[in-house]
Amino acid sequence: MSPIENFREFLAGKGMRLTQERELIVTEVFSSCAYFDADQLVERMAAQKTGRRVSRSTVYRTLGWLIDAGLLRKMTDMINRDRDVYSTISSNPRFRL
């Protein structure tokens, strides 16, 4: 199952739906295997030419739900301990959207 399908199933179990904005965030998160912080993700989302604006609060909430769904890992940056970074979790490390 793809990360989007897994996330859709997780949200449905909580009585929520996968909005277009949440799907765009999941797609962007899983488009790279590099570590990132929330601000970098917000910048990447703003640079997209999708015609959809994704708010900073939606990005932060979605990151939390991706962690709860077991699709994302949050870690403290080893260089800048005041900064959290995120990494994707996949049963197949070669899988990307």
PDB file of N, CA and C in Angstrom:
ATOM      1  N   MET A   1       0.840  -1.166   0.000  1.00  0.00           N
ATOM      2  CA  MET A   1       0.000   0.000   0.000  1.00  0.00           C
ATOM      3  C   MET A   1       0.899   1.248   0.000  1.00  0.00           C
ATOM      4  N   SER A   2       0.517   2.263  -0.733  1.00  0.00           N
ATOM      5  CA  SER A   2       1.312   3.482  -0.824  1.00  0.00           C
ATOM      6  C   SER A   2       1.139   4.323   0.450  1.00  0.00           C
ATOM      7  N   PRO A   3       2.051   5.272   0.691  1.00  0.00           N
ATOM      8  CA  PRO A   3       1.888   6.152   1.851  1.00  0.00           C
ATOM      9  C   PRO A   3       0.555   6.913   1.836  1.00  0.00           C
ATOM     10  N   ILE A   4       0.116   7.321   0.665  1.00  0.00           N
ATOM     11  CA  ILE A   4      -1.160   8.041   0.581  1.00  0.00           C
ATOM     12  C   ILE A   4      -2.313   7.131   0.989  1.00  0.00           C
ATOM     13  N   GLU A   5      -2.300   5.901   0.516  1.00  0.00           N
ATOM     14  CA  GLU A   5      -3.358   4.953   0.886  1.00  0.00           C
ATOM     15  C   GLU A   5      -3.320   4.647   2.385  1.00  0.00           C
ATOM     16  N   ASN A   6      -2.108   4.461   2.930  1.00  0.00           N
ATOM     17  CA  ASN A   6      -1.974   4.215   4.371  1.00  0.00           C
ATOM     18  C   ASN A   6      -2.487   5.397   5.172  1.00  0.00           C
ATOM     19  N   PHE A   7      -2.156   6.602   4.747  1.00  0.00           N
ATOM     20  CA  PHE A   7      -2.584   7.801   5.460  1.00  0.00           C
ATOM     21  C   PHE A   7      -4.096   7.981   5.342  1.00  0.00           C
ATOM     22  N   ARG A   8      -4.651   7.709   4.173  1.00  0.00           N
ATOM     23  CA  ARG A   8      -6.107   7.796   3.989  1.00  0.00           C
ATOM     24  C   ARG A   8      -6.818   6.846   4.956  1.00  0.00           C
ATOM     25  N   GLU A   9      -6.296   5.628   5.082  1.00  0.00           N
ATOM     26  CA  GLU A   9      -6.876   4.637   5.977  1.00  0.00           C
ATOM     27  C   GLU A   9      -6.768   5.093   7.440  1.00  0.00           C
ATOM     28  N   PHE A  10      -5.609   5.648   7.811  1.00  0.00           N
ATOM     29  CA  PHE A  10      -5.410   6.160   9.165  1.00  0.00           C
ATOM     30  C   PHE A  10      -6.422   7.267   9.473  1.00  0.00           C
ATOM     31  N   LEU A  11      -6.554   8.224   8.563  1.00  0.00           N
ATOM     32  CA  LEU A  11      -7.481   9.335   8.769  1.00  0.00           C
ATOM     33  C   LEU A  11      -8.928   8.847   8.864  1.00  0.00           C
ATOM     34  N   ALA A  12      -9.299   7.909   8.018  1.00  0.00           N
ATOM     35  CA  ALA A  12     -10.660   7.371   8.039  1.00  0.00           C
ATOM     36  C   ALA A  12     -10.959   6.737   9.390  1.00  0.00           C
ATOM     37  N   GLY A  13      -9.971   6.075   9.965  1.00  0.00           N
ATOM     38  CA  GLY A  13     -10.140   5.485  11.289  1.00  0.00           C
ATOM     39  C   GLY A  13     -10.356   6.516  12.376  1.00  0.00           C
ATOM     40  N   LYS A  14      -9.958   7.743  12.121  1.00  0.00           N
ATOM     41  CA  LYS A  14     -10.151   8.847  13.065  1.00  0.00           C
ATOM     42  C   LYS A  14     -11.348   9.721  12.684  1.00  0.00           C
ATOM     43  N   GLY A  15     -12.094   9.286  11.641  1.00  0.00           N
ATOM     44  CA  GLY A  15     -13.261  10.046  11.209  1.00  0.00           C
ATOM     45  C   GLY A  15     -12.919  11.282  10.400  1.00  0.00           C
ATOM     46  N   MET A  16     -11.705  11.313   9.842  1.00  0.00           N
ATOM     47  CA  MET A  16     -11.272  12.454   9.024  1.00  0.00           C
ATOM     48  C   MET A  16     -11.085  11.985   7.588  1.00  0.00           C
ATOM     49  N   ARG A  17     -10.940  12.952   6.696  1.00  0.00           N
ATOM     50  CA  ARG A  17     -10.723  12.584   5.297  1.00  0.00           C
ATOM     51  C   ARG A  17      -9.392  13.140   4.799  1.00  0.00           C
ATOM     52  N   LEU A  18      -8.922  12.563   3.732  1.00  0.00           N
ATOM     53  CA  LEU A  18      -7.685  13.015   3.095  1.00  0.00           C
ATOM     54  C   LEU A  18      -8.033  14.158   2.155  1.00  0.00           C
ATOM     55  N   THR A  19      -7.789  15.381   2.613  1.00  0.00           N
ATOM     56  CA  THR A  19      -8.081  16.548   1.788  1.00  0.00           C
ATOM     57  C   THR A  19      -7.006  16.689   0.710  1.00  0.00           C
ATOM     58  N   GLN A  20      -7.272  17.540  -0.250  1.00  0.00           N
ATOM     59  CA  GLN A  20      -6.299  17.792  -1.307  1.00  0.00           C
ATOM     60  C   GLN A  20      -5.001  18.339  -0.728  1.00  0.00           C
ATOM     61  N   GLU A  21      -5.105  19.223   0.256  1.00  0.00           N
ATOM     62  CA  GLU A  21      -3.919  19.807   0.876  1.00  0.00           C
ATOM     63  C   GLU A  21      -3.097  18.746   1.584  1.00  0.00           C
ATOM     64  N   ARG A  22      -3.755  17.871   2.340  1.00  0.00           N
ATOM     65  CA  ARG A  22      -3.034  16.796   3.041  1.00  0.00           C
ATOM     66  C   ARG A  22      -2.365  15.856   2.046  1.00  0.00           C
ATOM     67  N   GLU A  23      -3.057  15.556   0.953  1.00  0.00           N
ATOM     68  CA  GLU A  23      -2.464  14.680  -0.064  1.00  0.00           C
ATOM     69  C   GLU A  23      -1.233  15.335  -0.694  1.00  0.00           C
ATOM     70  N   LEU A  24      -1.289  16.636  -0.947  1.00  0.00           N
ATOM     71  CA  LEU A  24      -0.126  17.345  -1.486  1.00  0.00           C
ATOM     72  C   LEU A  24       1.056  17.274  -0.527  1.00  0.00           C
ATOM     73  N   ILE A  25       0.781  17.406   0.759  1.00  0.00           N
ATOM     74  CA  ILE A  25       1.849  17.333   1.765  1.00  0.00           C
ATOM     75  C   ILE A  25       2.471  15.942   1.784  1.00  0.00           C
ATOM     76  N   VAL A  26       1.642  14.909   1.809  1.00  0.00           N
ATOM     77  CA  VAL A  26       2.162  13.532   1.825  1.00  0.00           C
ATOM     78  C   VAL A  26       2.993  13.265   0.576  1.00  0.00           C
ATOM     79  N   THR A  27       2.510  13.706  -0.564  1.00  0.00           N
ATOM     80  CA  THR A  27       3.248  13.521  -1.813  1.00  0.00           C
ATOM     81  C   THR A  27       4.606  14.200  -1.741  1.00  0.00           C
ATOM     82  N   GLU A  28       4.646  15.416  -1.224  1.00  0.00           N
ATOM     83  CA  GLU A  28       5.915  16.148  -1.110  1.00  0.00           C
ATOM     84  C   GLU A  28       6.851  15.481  -0.107  1.00  0.00           C
ATOM     85  N   VAL A  29       6.329  15.048   1.023  1.00  0.00           N
ATOM     86  CA  VAL A  29       7.150  14.392   2.048  1.00  0.00           C
ATOM     87  C   VAL A  29       7.815  13.143   1.480  1.00  0.00           C
ATOM     88  N   PHE A  30       7.073  12.335   0.731  1.00  0.00           N
ATOM     89  CA  PHE A  30       7.605  11.075   0.230  1.00  0.00           C
ATOM     90  C   PHE A  30       8.285  11.207  -1.130  1.00  0.00           C
ATOM     91  N   SER A  31       8.424  12.429  -1.635  1.00  0.00           N
ATOM     92  CA  SER A  31       9.105  12.623  -2.923  1.00  0.00           C
ATOM     93  C   SER A  31      10.625  12.615  -2.766  1.00  0.00           C
ATOM     94  N   SER A  32      11.097  12.662  -1.538  1.00  0.00           N
ATOM     95  CA  SER A  32      12.532  12.693  -1.270  1.00  0.00           C
ATOM     96  C   SER A  32      12.822  11.840  -0.043  1.00  0.00           C
ATOM     97  N   CYS A  33      13.989  11.259   0.008  1.00  0.00           N
ATOM     98  CA  CYS A  33      14.357  10.471   1.193  1.00  0.00           C
ATOM     99  C   CYS A  33      15.243  11.281   2.131  1.00  0.00           C
ATOM    100  N   ALA A  34      15.429  12.564   1.852  1.00  0.00           N
ATOM    101  CA  ALA A  34      16.276  13.420   2.678  1.00  0.00           C
ATOM    102  C   ALA A  34      15.550  13.842   3.953  1.00  0.00           C
ATOM    103  N   TYR A  35      16.320  14.069   5.003  1.00  0.00           N
ATOM    104  CA  TYR A  35      15.757  14.638   6.223  1.00  0.00           C
ATOM    105  C   TYR A  35      15.309  16.062   5.937  1.00  0.00           C
ATOM    106  N   PHE A  36      14.290  16.520   6.655  1.00  0.00           N
ATOM    107  CA  PHE A  36      13.795  17.879   6.461  1.00  0.00           C
ATOM    108  C   PHE A  36      13.197  18.364   7.764  1.00  0.00           C
ATOM    109  N   ASP A  37      13.094  19.682   7.901  1.00  0.00           N
ATOM    110  CA  ASP A  37      12.364  20.227   9.040  1.00  0.00           C
ATOM    111  C   ASP A  37      11.054  20.823   8.522  1.00  0.00           C
ATOM    112  N   ALA A  38      10.182  21.190   9.434  1.00  0.00           N
ATOM    113  CA  ALA A  38       8.858  21.665   9.041  1.00  0.00           C
ATOM    114  C   ALA A  38       8.943  22.931   8.193  1.00  0.00           C
ATOM    115  N   ASP A  39       9.857  23.836   8.539  1.00  0.00           N
ATOM    116  CA  ASP A  39       9.988  25.078   7.765  1.00  0.00           C
ATOM    117  C   ASP A  39      10.441  24.801   6.333  1.00  0.00           C
ATOM    118  N   GLN A  40      11.343  23.834   6.171  1.00  0.00           N
ATOM    119  CA  GLN A  40      11.770  23.465   4.815  1.00  0.00           C
ATOM    120  C   GLN A  40      10.601  22.908   4.014  1.00  0.00           C
ATOM    121  N   LEU A  41       9.764  22.109   4.661  1.00  0.00           N
ATOM    122  CA  LEU A  41       8.600  21.553   3.971  1.00  0.00           C
ATOM    123  C   LEU A  41       7.623  22.660   3.579  1.00  0.00           C
ATOM    124  N   VAL A  42       7.416  23.614   4.472  1.00  0.00           N
ATOM    125  CA  VAL A  42       6.542  24.746   4.161  1.00  0.00           C
ATOM    126  C   VAL A  42       7.072  25.486   2.936  1.00  0.00           C
ATOM    127  N   GLU A  43       8.393  25.714   2.887  1.00  0.00           N
ATOM    128  CA  GLU A  43       9.002  26.392   1.738  1.00  0.00           C
ATOM    129  C   GLU A  43       8.840  25.576   0.459  1.00  0.00           C
ATOM    130  N   ARG A  44       9.047  24.260   0.551  1.00  0.00           N
ATOM    131  CA  ARG A  44       8.878  23.407  -0.631  1.00  0.00           C
ATOM    132  C   ARG A  44       7.441  23.439  -1.128  1.00  0.00           C
ATOM    133  N   MET A  45       6.486  23.444  -0.192  1.00  0.00           N
ATOM    134  CA  MET A  45       5.078  23.487  -0.573  1.00  0.00           C
ATOM    135  C   MET A  45       4.747  24.825  -1.235  1.00  0.00           C
ATOM    136  N   ALA A  46       5.302  25.914  -0.722  1.00  0.00           N
ATOM    137  CA  ALA A  46       5.037  27.244  -1.287  1.00  0.00           C
ATOM    138  C   ALA A  46       5.619  27.371  -2.690  1.00  0.00           C
ATOM    139  N   ALA A  47       6.706  26.662  -2.966  1.00  0.00           N
ATOM    140  CA  ALA A  47       7.361  26.745  -4.276  1.00  0.00           C
ATOM    141  C   ALA A  47       6.633  25.942  -5.353  1.00  0.00           C
ATOM    142  N   GLN A  48       5.747  25.044  -4.940  1.00  0.00           N
ATOM    143  CA  GLN A  48       5.007  24.242  -5.917  1.00  0.00           C
ATOM    144  C   GLN A  48       4.027  25.105  -6.694  1.00  0.00           C
ATOM    145  N   LYS A  49       3.814  24.745  -7.919  1.00  0.00           N
ATOM    146  CA  LYS A  49       2.874  25.476  -8.783  1.00  0.00           C
ATOM    147  C   LYS A  49       1.584  24.673  -8.942  1.00  0.00           C
ATOM    148  N   THR A  50       0.989  24.279  -7.801  1.00  0.00           N
ATOM    149  CA  THR A  50      -0.220  23.451  -7.847  1.00  0.00           C
ATOM    150  C   THR A  50      -1.492  24.278  -7.917  1.00  0.00           C
ATOM    151  N   GLY A  51      -1.373  25.563  -7.630  1.00  0.00           N
ATOM    152  CA  GLY A  51      -2.567  26.394  -7.577  1.00  0.00           C
ATOM    153  C   GLY A  51      -3.297  26.271  -6.254  1.00  0.00           C
ATOM    154  N   ARG A  52      -2.773  25.471  -5.331  1.00  0.00           N
ATOM    155  CA  ARG A  52      -3.371  25.283  -4.009  1.00  0.00           C
ATOM    156  C   ARG A  52      -2.410  25.816  -2.955  1.00  0.00           C
ATOM    157  N   ARG A  53      -2.909  26.660  -2.087  1.00  0.00           N
ATOM    158  CA  ARG A  53      -2.099  27.168  -0.980  1.00  0.00           C
ATOM    159  C   ARG A  53      -2.267  26.227   0.201  1.00  0.00           C
ATOM    160  N   VAL A  54      -1.157  25.836   0.803  1.00  0.00           N
ATOM    161  CA  VAL A  54      -1.186  24.969   1.974  1.00  0.00           C
ATOM    162  C   VAL A  54      -0.644  25.774   3.147  1.00  0.00           C
ATOM    163  N   SER A  55      -1.446  25.938   4.169  1.00  0.00           N
ATOM    164  CA  SER A  55      -1.045  26.773   5.302  1.00  0.00           C
ATOM    165  C   SER A  55      -0.004  26.062   6.170  1.00  0.00           C
ATOM    166  N   ARG A  56       0.755  26.875   6.890  1.00  0.00           N
ATOM    167  CA  ARG A  56       1.772  26.363   7.810  1.00  0.00           C
ATOM    168  C   ARG A  56       1.118  25.468   8.867  1.00  0.00           C
ATOM    169  N   SER A  57      -0.040  25.862   9.376  1.00  0.00           N
ATOM    170  CA  SER A  57      -0.704  25.054  10.409  1.00  0.00           C
ATOM    171  C   SER A  57      -1.137  23.693   9.859  1.00  0.00           C
ATOM    172  N   THR A  58      -1.581  23.656   8.604  1.00  0.00           N
ATOM    173  CA  THR A  58      -1.949  22.375   7.989  1.00  0.00           C
ATOM    174  C   THR A  58      -0.731  21.476   7.853  1.00  0.00           C
ATOM    175  N   VAL A  59       0.412  22.060   7.503  1.00  0.00           N
ATOM    176  CA  VAL A  59       1.656  21.279   7.394  1.00  0.00           C
ATOM    177  C   VAL A  59       2.013  20.690   8.762  1.00  0.00           C
ATOM    178  N   TYR A  60       2.009  21.506   9.807  1.00  0.00           N
ATOM    179  CA  TYR A  60       2.368  21.022  11.143  1.00  0.00           C
ATOM    180  C   TYR A  60       1.399  19.946  11.640  1.00  0.00           C
ATOM    181  N   ARG A  61       0.104  20.159  11.454  1.00  0.00           N
ATOM    182  CA  ARG A  61      -0.878  19.143  11.882  1.00  0.00           C
ATOM    183  C   ARG A  61      -0.681  17.840  11.112  1.00  0.00           C
ATOM    184  N   THR A  62      -0.478  17.954   9.814  1.00  0.00           N
ATOM    185  CA  THR A  62      -0.315  16.757   8.985  1.00  0.00           C
ATOM    186  C   THR A  62       0.951  16.002   9.368  1.00  0.00           C
ATOM    187  N   LEU A  63       2.032  16.704   9.672  1.00  0.00           N
ATOM    188  CA  LEU A  63       3.258  16.023  10.124  1.00  0.00           C
ATOM    189  C   LEU A  63       2.976  15.221  11.392  1.00  0.00           C
ATOM    190  N   GLY A  64       2.225  15.792  12.317  1.00  0.00           N
ATOM    191  CA  GLY A  64       1.879  15.069  13.544  1.00  0.00           C
ATOM    192  C   GLY A  64       1.057  13.825  13.271  1.00  0.00           C
ATOM    193  N   TRP A  65       0.106  13.936  12.359  1.00  0.00           N
ATOM    194  CA  TRP A  65      -0.711  12.765  12.013  1.00  0.00           C
ATOM    195  C   TRP A  65       0.100  11.717  11.269  1.00  0.00           C
ATOM    196  N   LEU A  66       1.051  12.135  10.444  1.00  0.00           N
ATOM    197  CA  LEU A  66       1.914  11.168   9.756  1.00  0.00           C
ATOM    198  C   LEU A  66       2.769  10.397  10.764  1.00  0.00           C
ATOM    199  N   ILE A  67       3.203  11.078  11.820  1.00  0.00           N
ATOM    200  CA  ILE A  67       3.938  10.393  12.888  1.00  0.00           C
ATOM    201  C   ILE A  67       3.017   9.398  13.582  1.00  0.00           C
ATOM    202  N   ASP A  68       1.816   9.843  13.946  1.00  0.00           N
ATOM    203  CA  ASP A  68       0.845   8.961  14.609  1.00  0.00           C
ATOM    204  C   ASP A  68       0.487   7.757  13.744  1.00  0.00           C
ATOM    205  N   ALA A  69       0.486   7.944  12.432  1.00  0.00           N
ATOM    206  CA  ALA A  69       0.153   6.865  11.502  1.00  0.00           C
ATOM    207  C   ALA A  69       1.329   5.908  11.295  1.00  0.00           C
ATOM    208  N   GLY A  70       2.497   6.253  11.833  1.00  0.00           N
ATOM    209  CA  GLY A  70       3.675   5.394  11.680  1.00  0.00           C
ATOM    210  C   GLY A  70       4.370   5.551  10.345  1.00  0.00           C
ATOM    211  N   LEU A  71       4.125   6.664   9.658  1.00  0.00           N
ATOM    212  CA  LEU A  71       4.720   6.885   8.338  1.00  0.00           C
ATOM    213  C   LEU A  71       5.907   7.845   8.379  1.00  0.00           C
ATOM    214  N   LEU A  72       6.081   8.523   9.506  1.00  0.00           N
ATOM    215  CA  LEU A  72       7.107   9.545   9.627  1.00  0.00           C
ATOM    216  C   LEU A  72       7.735   9.449  11.009  1.00  0.00           C
ATOM    217  N   ARG A  73       9.014   9.772  11.078  1.00  0.00           N
ATOM    218  CA  ARG A  73       9.756   9.760  12.335  1.00  0.00           C
ATOM    219  C   ARG A  73      10.257  11.173  12.616  1.00  0.00           C
ATOM    220  N   LYS A  74      10.129  11.618  13.858  1.00  0.00           N
ATOM    221  CA  LYS A  74      10.607  12.936  14.281  1.00  0.00           C
ATOM    222  C   LYS A  74      11.830  12.746  15.170  1.00  0.00           C
ATOM    223  N   MET A  75      12.899  13.480  14.851  1.00  0.00           N
ATOM    224  CA  MET A  75      14.145  13.366  15.604  1.00  0.00           C
ATOM    225  C   MET A  75      14.698  14.751  15.907  1.00  0.00           C
ATOM    226  N   THR A  76      15.538  14.833  16.911  1.00  0.00           N
ATOM    227  CA  THR A  76      16.239  16.080  17.201  1.00  0.00           C
ATOM    228  C   THR A  76      17.461  16.151  16.308  1.00  0.00           C
ATOM    229  N   ASP A  77      17.661  17.300  15.675  1.00  0.00           N
ATOM    230  CA  ASP A  77      18.828  17.534  14.826  1.00  0.00           C
ATOM    231  C   ASP A  77      20.080  17.412  15.697  1.00  0.00           C
ATOM    232  N   MET A  78      21.053  16.630  15.239  1.00  0.00           N
ATOM    233  CA  MET A  78      22.265  16.405  16.021  1.00  0.00           C
ATOM    234  C   MET A  78      23.170  17.634  16.074  1.00  0.00           C
ATOM    235  N   ILE A  79      23.075  18.509  15.104  1.00  0.00           N
ATOM    236  CA  ILE A  79      23.915  19.706  15.079  1.00  0.00           C
ATOM    237  C   ILE A  79      23.222  20.857  15.795  1.00  0.00           C
ATOM    238  N   ASN A  80      21.975  21.091  15.459  1.00  0.00           N
ATOM    239  CA  ASN A  80      21.194  22.159  16.069  1.00  0.00           C
ATOM    240  C   ASN A  80      20.116  21.516  16.929  1.00  0.00           C
ATOM    241  N   ARG A  81      20.385  21.343  18.181  1.00  0.00           N
ATOM    242  CA  ARG A  81      19.474  20.599  19.069  1.00  0.00           C
ATOM    243  C   ARG A  81      18.135  21.296  19.303  1.00  0.00           C
ATOM    244  N   ASP A  82      18.001  22.546  18.871  1.00  0.00           N
ATOM    245  CA  ASP A  82      16.728  23.258  19.001  1.00  0.00           C
ATOM    246  C   ASP A  82      15.803  22.982  17.825  1.00  0.00           C
ATOM    247  N   ARG A  83      16.247  22.178  16.899  1.00  0.00           N
ATOM    248  CA  ARG A  83      15.512  21.942  15.657  1.00  0.00           C
ATOM    249  C   ARG A  83      15.138  20.465  15.547  1.00  0.00           C
ATOM    250  N   ASP A  84      13.875  20.199  15.198  1.00  0.00           N
ATOM    251  CA  ASP A  84      13.435  18.828  14.933  1.00  0.00           C
ATOM    252  C   ASP A  84      13.480  18.574  13.438  1.00  0.00           C
ATOM    253  N   VAL A  85      13.901  17.376  13.079  1.00  0.00           N
ATOM    254  CA  VAL A  85      13.896  16.975  11.677  1.00  0.00           C
ATOM    255  C   VAL A  85      13.035  15.725  11.539  1.00  0.00           C
ATOM    256  N   TYR A  86      12.588  15.482  10.315  1.00  0.00           N
ATOM    257  CA  TYR A  86      11.692  14.368  10.030  1.00  0.00           C
ATOM    258  C   TYR A  86      12.302  13.445   8.990  1.00  0.00           C
ATOM    259  N   SER A  87      11.945  12.182   9.090  1.00  0.00           N
ATOM    260  CA  SER A  87      12.399  11.172   8.144  1.00  0.00           C
ATOM    261  C   SER A  87      11.234  10.237   7.859  1.00  0.00           C
ATOM    262  N   THR A  88      11.108   9.812   6.625  1.00  0.00           N
ATOM    263  CA  THR A  88      10.019   8.904   6.271  1.00  0.00           C
ATOM    264  C   THR A  88      10.321   7.499   6.754  1.00  0.00           C
ATOM    265  N   ILE A  89       9.270   6.758   7.003  1.00  0.00           N
ATOM    266  CA  ILE A  89       9.365   5.351   7.398  1.00  0.00           C
ATOM    267  C   ILE A  89       8.621   4.557   6.341  1.00  0.00           C
ATOM    268  N   SER A  90       9.248   3.530   5.821  1.00  0.00           N
ATOM    269  CA  SER A  90       8.599   2.701   4.813  1.00  0.00           C
ATOM    270  C   SER A  90       9.017   1.260   5.028  1.00  0.00           C
ATOM    271  N   SER A  91       8.109   0.338   4.791  1.00  0.00           N
ATOM    272  CA  SER A  91       8.454  -1.078   4.901  1.00  0.00           C
ATOM    273  C   SER A  91       9.402  -1.472   3.776  1.00  0.00           C
ATOM    274  N   ASN A  92       9.396  -0.721   2.692  1.00  0.00           N
ATOM    275  CA  ASN A  92      10.314  -0.936   1.587  1.00  0.00           C
ATOM    276  C   ASN A  92      11.096   0.360   1.376  1.00  0.00           C
ATOM    277  N   PRO A  93      12.372   0.408   1.821  1.00  0.00           N
ATOM    278  CA  PRO A  93      13.115   1.667   1.751  1.00  0.00           C
ATOM    279  C   PRO A  93      13.321   2.187   0.333  1.00  0.00           C
ATOM    280  N   ARG A  94      13.093   1.372  -0.678  1.00  0.00           N
ATOM    281  CA  ARG A  94      13.252   1.829  -2.052  1.00  0.00           C
ATOM    282  C   ARG A  94      11.982   2.467  -2.590  1.00  0.00           C
ATOM    283  N   PHE A  95      10.881   2.332  -1.837  1.00  0.00           N
ATOM    284  CA  PHE A  95       9.594   2.849  -2.318  1.00  0.00           C
ATOM    285  C   PHE A  95       9.524   4.350  -2.203  1.00  0.00           C
ATOM    286  N   ARG A  96       9.123   5.007  -3.270  1.00  0.00           N
ATOM    287  CA  ARG A  96       8.814   6.423  -3.285  1.00  0.00           C
ATOM    288  C   ARG A  96       7.611   6.607  -4.190  1.00  0.00           C
ATOM    289  N   LEU A  97       6.866   7.680  -3.979  1.00  0.00           N
ATOM    290  CA  LEU A  97       5.693   7.962  -4.823  1.00  0.00           C
ATOM    291  C   LEU A  97       6.077   8.182  -6.253  1.00  0.00           C
TER     292      LEU A  97
END
